[in-house]
């Protein structure tokens, strides 16, 4: 008998890795954590006029440059963790939340990367005491682009969730059915044990 014609081993899962719940949840969590982690790093590097301040360079983290990214990342993380206990209907809701969170991260990140001076304006105003940006140089680090990629991945994970989640209910139903089939056998074994106990005590188990 060739290996391909051998019967499946009882209890062995044939679910492809890409359709397993744990893999989907892990990938979604990683995408959300990547977006959140990027906000703890420097997004904007601001060079101020040396004659205006004592510290001519300011580093603006993502949490200040794009506060919405932090919020959307936390929402995406919470939604990702909820996938593990969500039912069919709840998965659609979670997929919608992940889509909104991913799109929000993408748009907010691209806004910072596209116009770093506007995003750094609050930090510049706090440092100089004025809103004028004369003589100020603002450059964006790769972090906004990393967050934008994480946002795209969150949207992709939402689609992946809907596709892979189609077979999750069937798997649970099979496990429930198998458990019900094993229940009568377990009851029969228990009755046999009781009968042996009765015989050992000198009792008639058929009485």
C-alpha atoms as a PDB file:
ATOM      1  CA  UNK A   1       0.000   0.000   0.000  1.00  0.00           C
ATOM      2  CA  UNK A   2       1.460   3.352  -1.009  1.00  0.00           C
ATOM      3  CA  UNK A   3       1.704   6.186   1.526  1.00  0.00           C
ATOM      4  CA  UNK A   4      -0.903   8.173  -0.388  1.00  0.00           C
ATOM      5  CA  UNK A   5      -3.453   5.363  -0.072  1.00  0.00           C
ATOM      6  CA  UNK A   6      -3.020   4.830   3.649  1.00  0.00           C
ATOM      7  CA  UNK A   7      -6.105   5.636   5.754  1.00  0.00           C
ATOM      8  CA  UNK A   8      -5.951   8.859   7.772  1.00  0.00           C
ATOM      9  CA  UNK A   9      -4.826   8.572  11.368  1.00  0.00           C
ATOM     10  CA  UNK A  10      -7.745   9.170  13.773  1.00  0.00           C
ATOM     11  CA  UNK A  11      -7.630  12.679  15.252  1.00  0.00           C
ATOM     12  CA  UNK A  12      -5.044  13.891  12.727  1.00  0.00           C
ATOM     13  CA  UNK A  13      -5.968  17.295  11.295  1.00  0.00           C
ATOM     14  CA  UNK A  14      -5.890  17.718   7.533  1.00  0.00           C
ATOM     15  CA  UNK A  15      -6.675  21.433   7.709  1.00  0.00           C
ATOM     16  CA  UNK A  16      -4.113  23.446   5.721  1.00  0.00           C
ATOM     17  CA  UNK A  17      -2.006  25.749   7.838  1.00  0.00           C
ATOM     18  CA  UNK A  18      -3.346  28.810   6.041  1.00  0.00           C
ATOM     19  CA  UNK A  19      -6.890  27.959   7.147  1.00  0.00           C
ATOM     20  CA  UNK A  20      -6.171  27.235  10.790  1.00  0.00           C
ATOM     21  CA  UNK A  21      -7.635  29.621  13.329  1.00  0.00           C
ATOM     22  CA  UNK A  22      -4.401  29.912  15.309  1.00  0.00           C
ATOM     23  CA  UNK A  23      -2.445  30.954  12.228  1.00  0.00           C
ATOM     24  CA  UNK A  24      -5.001  33.604  11.252  1.00  0.00           C
ATOM     25  CA  UNK A  25      -5.149  35.007  14.780  1.00  0.00           C
ATOM     26  CA  UNK A  26      -1.363  35.085  15.095  1.00  0.00           C
ATOM     27  CA  UNK A  27      -0.895  36.881  11.775  1.00  0.00           C
ATOM     28  CA  UNK A  28      -3.532  39.473  12.670  1.00  0.00           C
ATOM     29  CA  UNK A  29      -1.999  40.082  16.089  1.00  0.00           C
ATOM     30  CA  UNK A  30       1.448  40.540  14.528  1.00  0.00           C
ATOM     31  CA  UNK A  31       0.093  43.091  12.031  1.00  0.00           C
ATOM     32  CA  UNK A  32      -1.632  45.075  14.788  1.00  0.00           C
ATOM     33  CA  UNK A  33       1.457  44.940  17.025  1.00  0.00           C
ATOM     34  CA  UNK A  34       3.648  46.103  14.133  1.00  0.00           C
ATOM     35  CA  UNK A  35       1.461  49.173  13.686  1.00  0.00           C
ATOM     36  CA  UNK A  36       1.385  49.876  17.415  1.00  0.00           C
ATOM     37  CA  UNK A  37       5.106  49.254  17.850  1.00  0.00           C
ATOM     38  CA  UNK A  38       5.949  51.701  15.081  1.00  0.00           C
ATOM     39  CA  UNK A  39       4.227  54.512  16.990  1.00  0.00           C
ATOM     40  CA  UNK A  40       6.712  54.114  19.832  1.00  0.00           C
ATOM     41  CA  UNK A  41       9.531  54.980  17.454  1.00  0.00           C
ATOM     42  CA  UNK A  42      10.573  58.282  15.863  1.00  0.00           C
ATOM     43  CA  UNK A  43       8.400  59.238  12.900  1.00  0.00           C
ATOM     44  CA  UNK A  44       9.600  62.779  12.295  1.00  0.00           C
ATOM     45  CA  UNK A  45      12.986  64.408  12.734  1.00  0.00           C
ATOM     46  CA  UNK A  46      12.701  68.173  13.114  1.00  0.00           C
ATOM     47  CA  UNK A  47      15.682  70.507  12.772  1.00  0.00           C
ATOM     48  CA  UNK A  48      15.026  73.943  14.292  1.00  0.00           C
ATOM     49  CA  UNK A  49      16.973  77.166  13.766  1.00  0.00           C
ATOM     50  CA  UNK A  50      20.015  76.979  16.050  1.00  0.00           C
ATOM     51  CA  UNK A  51      19.617  80.611  17.039  1.00  0.00           C
ATOM     52  CA  UNK A  52      16.052  80.095  18.247  1.00  0.00           C
ATOM     53  CA  UNK A  53      16.400  77.221  20.713  1.00  0.00           C
ATOM     54  CA  UNK A  54      19.040  75.452  22.735  1.00  0.00           C
ATOM     55  CA  UNK A  55      18.049  72.026  21.331  1.00  0.00           C
ATOM     56  CA  UNK A  56      17.982  72.379  17.541  1.00  0.00           C
ATOM     57  CA  UNK A  57      16.748  68.841  16.873  1.00  0.00           C
ATOM     58  CA  UNK A  58      13.418  67.327  17.908  1.00  0.00           C
ATOM     59  CA  UNK A  59      12.376  63.720  17.400  1.00  0.00           C
ATOM     60  CA  UNK A  60       8.617  63.254  17.167  1.00  0.00           C
ATOM     61  CA  UNK A  61       7.324  59.725  17.913  1.00  0.00           C
ATOM     62  CA  UNK A  62       4.440  58.238  16.018  1.00  0.00           C
ATOM     63  CA  UNK A  63       2.203  58.454  19.060  1.00  0.00           C
ATOM     64  CA  UNK A  64       2.443  62.262  18.759  1.00  0.00           C
ATOM     65  CA  UNK A  65       2.643  62.579  14.985  1.00  0.00           C
ATOM     66  CA  UNK A  66      -0.356  60.308  14.355  1.00  0.00           C
ATOM     67  CA  UNK A  67      -2.349  59.563  17.488  1.00  0.00           C
ATOM     68  CA  UNK A  68      -5.039  57.888  15.376  1.00  0.00           C
ATOM     69  CA  UNK A  69      -2.610  55.127  14.391  1.00  0.00           C
ATOM     70  CA  UNK A  70      -2.127  54.156  18.032  1.00  0.00           C
ATOM     71  CA  UNK A  71      -5.886  54.020  18.596  1.00  0.00           C
ATOM     72  CA  UNK A  72      -6.583  52.026  15.435  1.00  0.00           C
ATOM     73  CA  UNK A  73      -3.764  49.602  16.248  1.00  0.00           C
ATOM     74  CA  UNK A  74      -5.212  48.887  19.700  1.00  0.00           C
ATOM     75  CA  UNK A  75      -8.651  48.336  18.161  1.00  0.00           C
ATOM     76  CA  UNK A  76      -7.144  45.938  15.636  1.00  0.00           C
ATOM     77  CA  UNK A  77      -5.303  44.056  18.373  1.00  0.00           C
ATOM     78  CA  UNK A  78      -8.460  43.649  20.451  1.00  0.00           C
ATOM     79  CA  UNK A  79     -10.379  42.454  17.398  1.00  0.00           C
ATOM     80  CA  UNK A  80      -7.632  39.970  16.535  1.00  0.00           C
ATOM     81  CA  UNK A  81      -7.747  38.427  20.010  1.00  0.00           C
ATOM     82  CA  UNK A  82     -11.547  38.176  19.808  1.00  0.00           C
ATOM     83  CA  UNK A  83     -11.330  35.991  16.702  1.00  0.00           C
ATOM     84  CA  UNK A  84     -10.405  32.951  18.800  1.00  0.00           C
ATOM     85  CA  UNK A  85     -13.809  32.916  20.540  1.00  0.00           C
ATOM     86  CA  UNK A  86     -15.977  34.447  17.825  1.00  0.00           C
ATOM     87  CA  UNK A  87     -18.802  32.643  16.076  1.00  0.00           C
ATOM     88  CA  UNK A  88     -19.781  32.896  12.436  1.00  0.00           C
ATOM     89  CA  UNK A  89     -21.720  36.160  12.727  1.00  0.00           C
ATOM     90  CA  UNK A  90     -19.189  37.715  15.089  1.00  0.00           C
ATOM     91  CA  UNK A  91     -16.395  36.979  12.617  1.00  0.00           C
ATOM     92  CA  UNK A  92     -18.075  39.193  10.030  1.00  0.00           C
ATOM     93  CA  UNK A  93     -18.269  42.002  12.554  1.00  0.00           C
ATOM     94  CA  UNK A  94     -14.627  41.506  13.534  1.00  0.00           C
ATOM     95  CA  UNK A  95     -13.598  41.486   9.873  1.00  0.00           C
ATOM     96  CA  UNK A  96     -15.357  44.824   9.413  1.00  0.00           C
ATOM     97  CA  UNK A  97     -13.593  46.250  12.467  1.00  0.00           C
ATOM     98  CA  UNK A  98     -10.219  45.038  11.195  1.00  0.00           C
ATOM     99  CA  UNK A  99     -10.916  46.619   7.817  1.00  0.00           C
ATOM    100  CA  UNK A 100     -11.759  49.967   9.376  1.00  0.00           C
ATOM    101  CA  UNK A 101      -8.737  49.798  11.689  1.00  0.00           C
ATOM    102  CA  UNK A 102      -6.389  48.851   8.872  1.00  0.00           C
ATOM    103  CA  UNK A 103      -7.732  51.555   6.575  1.00  0.00           C
ATOM    104  CA  UNK A 104      -7.456  54.124   9.377  1.00  0.00           C
ATOM    105  CA  UNK A 105      -3.845  53.173  10.029  1.00  0.00           C
ATOM    106  CA  UNK A 106      -3.043  53.355   6.328  1.00  0.00           C
ATOM    107  CA  UNK A 107      -4.629  56.756   5.761  1.00  0.00           C
ATOM    108  CA  UNK A 108      -3.169  58.305   8.925  1.00  0.00           C
ATOM    109  CA  UNK A 109       0.313  56.988   8.207  1.00  0.00           C
ATOM    110  CA  UNK A 110       0.320  58.180   4.613  1.00  0.00           C
ATOM    111  CA  UNK A 111      -0.848  61.610   5.767  1.00  0.00           C
ATOM    112  CA  UNK A 112       2.227  61.916   7.972  1.00  0.00           C
ATOM    113  CA  UNK A 113       4.580  60.592   5.297  1.00  0.00           C
ATOM    114  CA  UNK A 114       3.063  62.863   2.663  1.00  0.00           C
ATOM    115  CA  UNK A 115       3.105  66.070   4.725  1.00  0.00           C
ATOM    116  CA  UNK A 116       5.567  65.695   7.610  1.00  0.00           C
ATOM    117  CA  UNK A 117       5.723  69.454   8.236  1.00  0.00           C
ATOM    118  CA  UNK A 118       2.013  69.658   9.028  1.00  0.00           C
ATOM    119  CA  UNK A 119       2.235  66.648  11.334  1.00  0.00           C
ATOM    120  CA  UNK A 120       5.193  68.177  13.178  1.00  0.00           C
ATOM    121  CA  UNK A 121       3.525  71.573  13.571  1.00  0.00           C
ATOM    122  CA  UNK A 122       2.374  71.003  17.186  1.00  0.00           C
ATOM    123  CA  UNK A 123       5.882  69.976  18.263  1.00  0.00           C
ATOM    124  CA  UNK A 124       7.405  72.919  16.418  1.00  0.00           C
ATOM    125  CA  UNK A 125       4.965  75.346  17.986  1.00  0.00           C
ATOM    126  CA  UNK A 126       5.720  73.995  21.438  1.00  0.00           C
ATOM    127  CA  UNK A 127       9.466  74.320  20.906  1.00  0.00           C
ATOM    128  CA  UNK A 128       9.480  77.778  19.295  1.00  0.00           C
ATOM    129  CA  UNK A 129       6.387  79.260  20.863  1.00  0.00           C
ATOM    130  CA  UNK A 130       5.173  80.329  17.412  1.00  0.00           C
ATOM    131  CA  UNK A 131       3.497  78.536  14.526  1.00  0.00           C
ATOM    132  CA  UNK A 132       5.908  79.850  11.903  1.00  0.00           C
ATOM    133  CA  UNK A 133       8.159  77.206  10.364  1.00  0.00           C
ATOM    134  CA  UNK A 134      10.740  79.530   8.853  1.00  0.00           C
ATOM    135  CA  UNK A 135      14.127  77.859   8.898  1.00  0.00           C
ATOM    136  CA  UNK A 136      12.654  74.576  10.105  1.00  0.00           C
ATOM    137  CA  UNK A 137      13.465  71.309   8.355  1.00  0.00           C
ATOM    138  CA  UNK A 138      11.236  68.240   8.830  1.00  0.00           C
ATOM    139  CA  UNK A 139      11.992  64.779   7.520  1.00  0.00           C
ATOM    140  CA  UNK A 140      10.025  61.562   7.939  1.00  0.00           C
ATOM    141  CA  UNK A 141      11.616  58.282   8.992  1.00  0.00           C
ATOM    142  CA  UNK A 142      10.610  54.908   7.495  1.00  0.00           C
ATOM    143  CA  UNK A 143       8.254  54.287  10.428  1.00  0.00           C
ATOM    144  CA  UNK A 144       5.142  55.852   8.824  1.00  0.00           C
ATOM    145  CA  UNK A 145       5.626  53.570   5.835  1.00  0.00           C
ATOM    146  CA  UNK A 146       5.976  50.562   8.115  1.00  0.00           C
ATOM    147  CA  UNK A 147       2.708  51.467   9.799  1.00  0.00           C
ATOM    148  CA  UNK A 148       1.058  51.891   6.401  1.00  0.00           C
ATOM    149  CA  UNK A 149       2.145  48.381   5.416  1.00  0.00           C
ATOM    150  CA  UNK A 150       0.795  47.051   8.717  1.00  0.00           C
ATOM    151  CA  UNK A 151      -2.523  48.729   7.945  1.00  0.00           C
ATOM    152  CA  UNK A 152      -2.678  46.996   4.573  1.00  0.00           C
ATOM    153  CA  UNK A 153      -1.886  43.683   6.255  1.00  0.00           C
ATOM    154  CA  UNK A 154      -4.742  44.189   8.724  1.00  0.00           C
ATOM    155  CA  UNK A 155      -7.172  44.647   5.844  1.00  0.00           C
ATOM    156  CA  UNK A 156      -5.738  41.530   4.205  1.00  0.00           C
ATOM    157  CA  UNK A 157      -6.173  39.624   7.473  1.00  0.00           C
ATOM    158  CA  UNK A 158      -9.836  40.652   7.552  1.00  0.00           C
ATOM    159  CA  UNK A 159     -10.369  39.069   4.137  1.00  0.00           C
ATOM    160  CA  UNK A 160      -8.310  36.047   5.173  1.00  0.00           C
ATOM    161  CA  UNK A 161     -10.475  35.650   8.276  1.00  0.00           C
ATOM    162  CA  UNK A 162     -13.666  35.441   6.229  1.00  0.00           C
ATOM    163  CA  UNK A 163     -12.197  32.937   3.790  1.00  0.00           C
ATOM    164  CA  UNK A 164     -10.478  30.674   6.309  1.00  0.00           C
ATOM    165  CA  UNK A 165     -13.322  30.900   8.829  1.00  0.00           C
ATOM    166  CA  UNK A 166     -15.753  29.080   6.547  1.00  0.00           C
ATOM    167  CA  UNK A 167     -14.532  25.688   7.707  1.00  0.00           C
ATOM    168  CA  UNK A 168     -14.175  26.411  11.411  1.00  0.00           C
ATOM    169  CA  UNK A 169     -17.799  25.700  12.272  1.00  0.00           C
ATOM    170  CA  UNK A 170     -17.694  22.345  10.469  1.00  0.00           C
ATOM    171  CA  UNK A 171     -14.669  21.300  12.495  1.00  0.00           C
ATOM    172  CA  UNK A 172     -16.398  22.065  15.794  1.00  0.00           C
ATOM    173  CA  UNK A 173     -19.530  20.235  14.643  1.00  0.00           C
ATOM    174  CA  UNK A 174     -17.479  17.152  13.768  1.00  0.00           C
ATOM    175  CA  UNK A 175     -15.835  17.173  17.179  1.00  0.00           C
ATOM    176  CA  UNK A 176     -19.243  17.423  18.861  1.00  0.00           C
ATOM    177  CA  UNK A 177     -20.640  14.562  16.788  1.00  0.00           C
ATOM    178  CA  UNK A 178     -17.625  12.389  17.532  1.00  0.00           C
ATOM    179  CA  UNK A 179     -18.021  13.064  21.228  1.00  0.00           C
ATOM    180  CA  UNK A 180     -21.677  12.036  21.086  1.00  0.00           C
ATOM    181  CA  UNK A 181     -20.779   8.787  19.314  1.00  0.00           C
ATOM    182  CA  UNK A 182     -18.260   7.937  21.998  1.00  0.00           C
ATOM    183  CA  UNK A 183     -20.666   8.624  24.846  1.00  0.00           C
ATOM    184  CA  UNK A 184     -22.711   5.350  24.549  1.00  0.00           C
ATOM    185  CA  UNK A 185     -19.487   3.321  24.497  1.00  0.00           C
ATOM    186  CA  UNK A 186     -18.303   5.030  27.654  1.00  0.00           C
ATOM    187  CA  UNK A 187     -21.654   4.331  29.339  1.00  0.00           C
ATOM    188  CA  UNK A 188     -21.427   0.654  28.376  1.00  0.00           C
ATOM    189  CA  UNK A 189     -17.974   0.361  29.908  1.00  0.00           C
ATOM    190  CA  UNK A 190     -19.271   1.942  33.103  1.00  0.00           C
ATOM    191  CA  UNK A 191     -22.129  -0.625  33.274  1.00  0.00           C
ATOM    192  CA  UNK A 192     -19.661  -3.506  32.862  1.00  0.00           C
ATOM    193  CA  UNK A 193     -17.539  -2.192  35.718  1.00  0.00           C
ATOM    194  CA  UNK A 194     -20.619  -1.907  37.950  1.00  0.00           C
ATOM    195  CA  UNK A 195     -21.584  -5.511  37.107  1.00  0.00           C
ATOM    196  CA  UNK A 196     -18.132  -6.773  38.086  1.00  0.00           C
ATOM    197  CA  UNK A 197     -18.344  -4.869  41.352  1.00  0.00           C
ATOM    198  CA  UNK A 198     -21.696  -6.470  42.100  1.00  0.00           C
ATOM    199  CA  UNK A 199     -20.344  -9.965  41.423  1.00  0.00           C
ATOM    200  CA  UNK A 200     -17.349  -9.353  43.684  1.00  0.00           C
ATOM    201  CA  UNK A 201     -19.754  -8.502  46.497  1.00  0.00           C
ATOM    202  CA  UNK A 202     -21.742 -11.706  45.890  1.00  0.00           C
ATOM    203  CA  UNK A 203     -24.712  -9.843  44.410  1.00  0.00           C
ATOM    204  CA  UNK A 204     -26.633 -10.789  41.285  1.00  0.00           C
ATOM    205  CA  UNK A 205     -26.236  -7.873  38.822  1.00  0.00           C
ATOM    206  CA  UNK A 206     -29.275  -9.060  36.844  1.00  0.00           C
ATOM    207  CA  UNK A 207     -31.580  -8.811  39.827  1.00  0.00           C
END
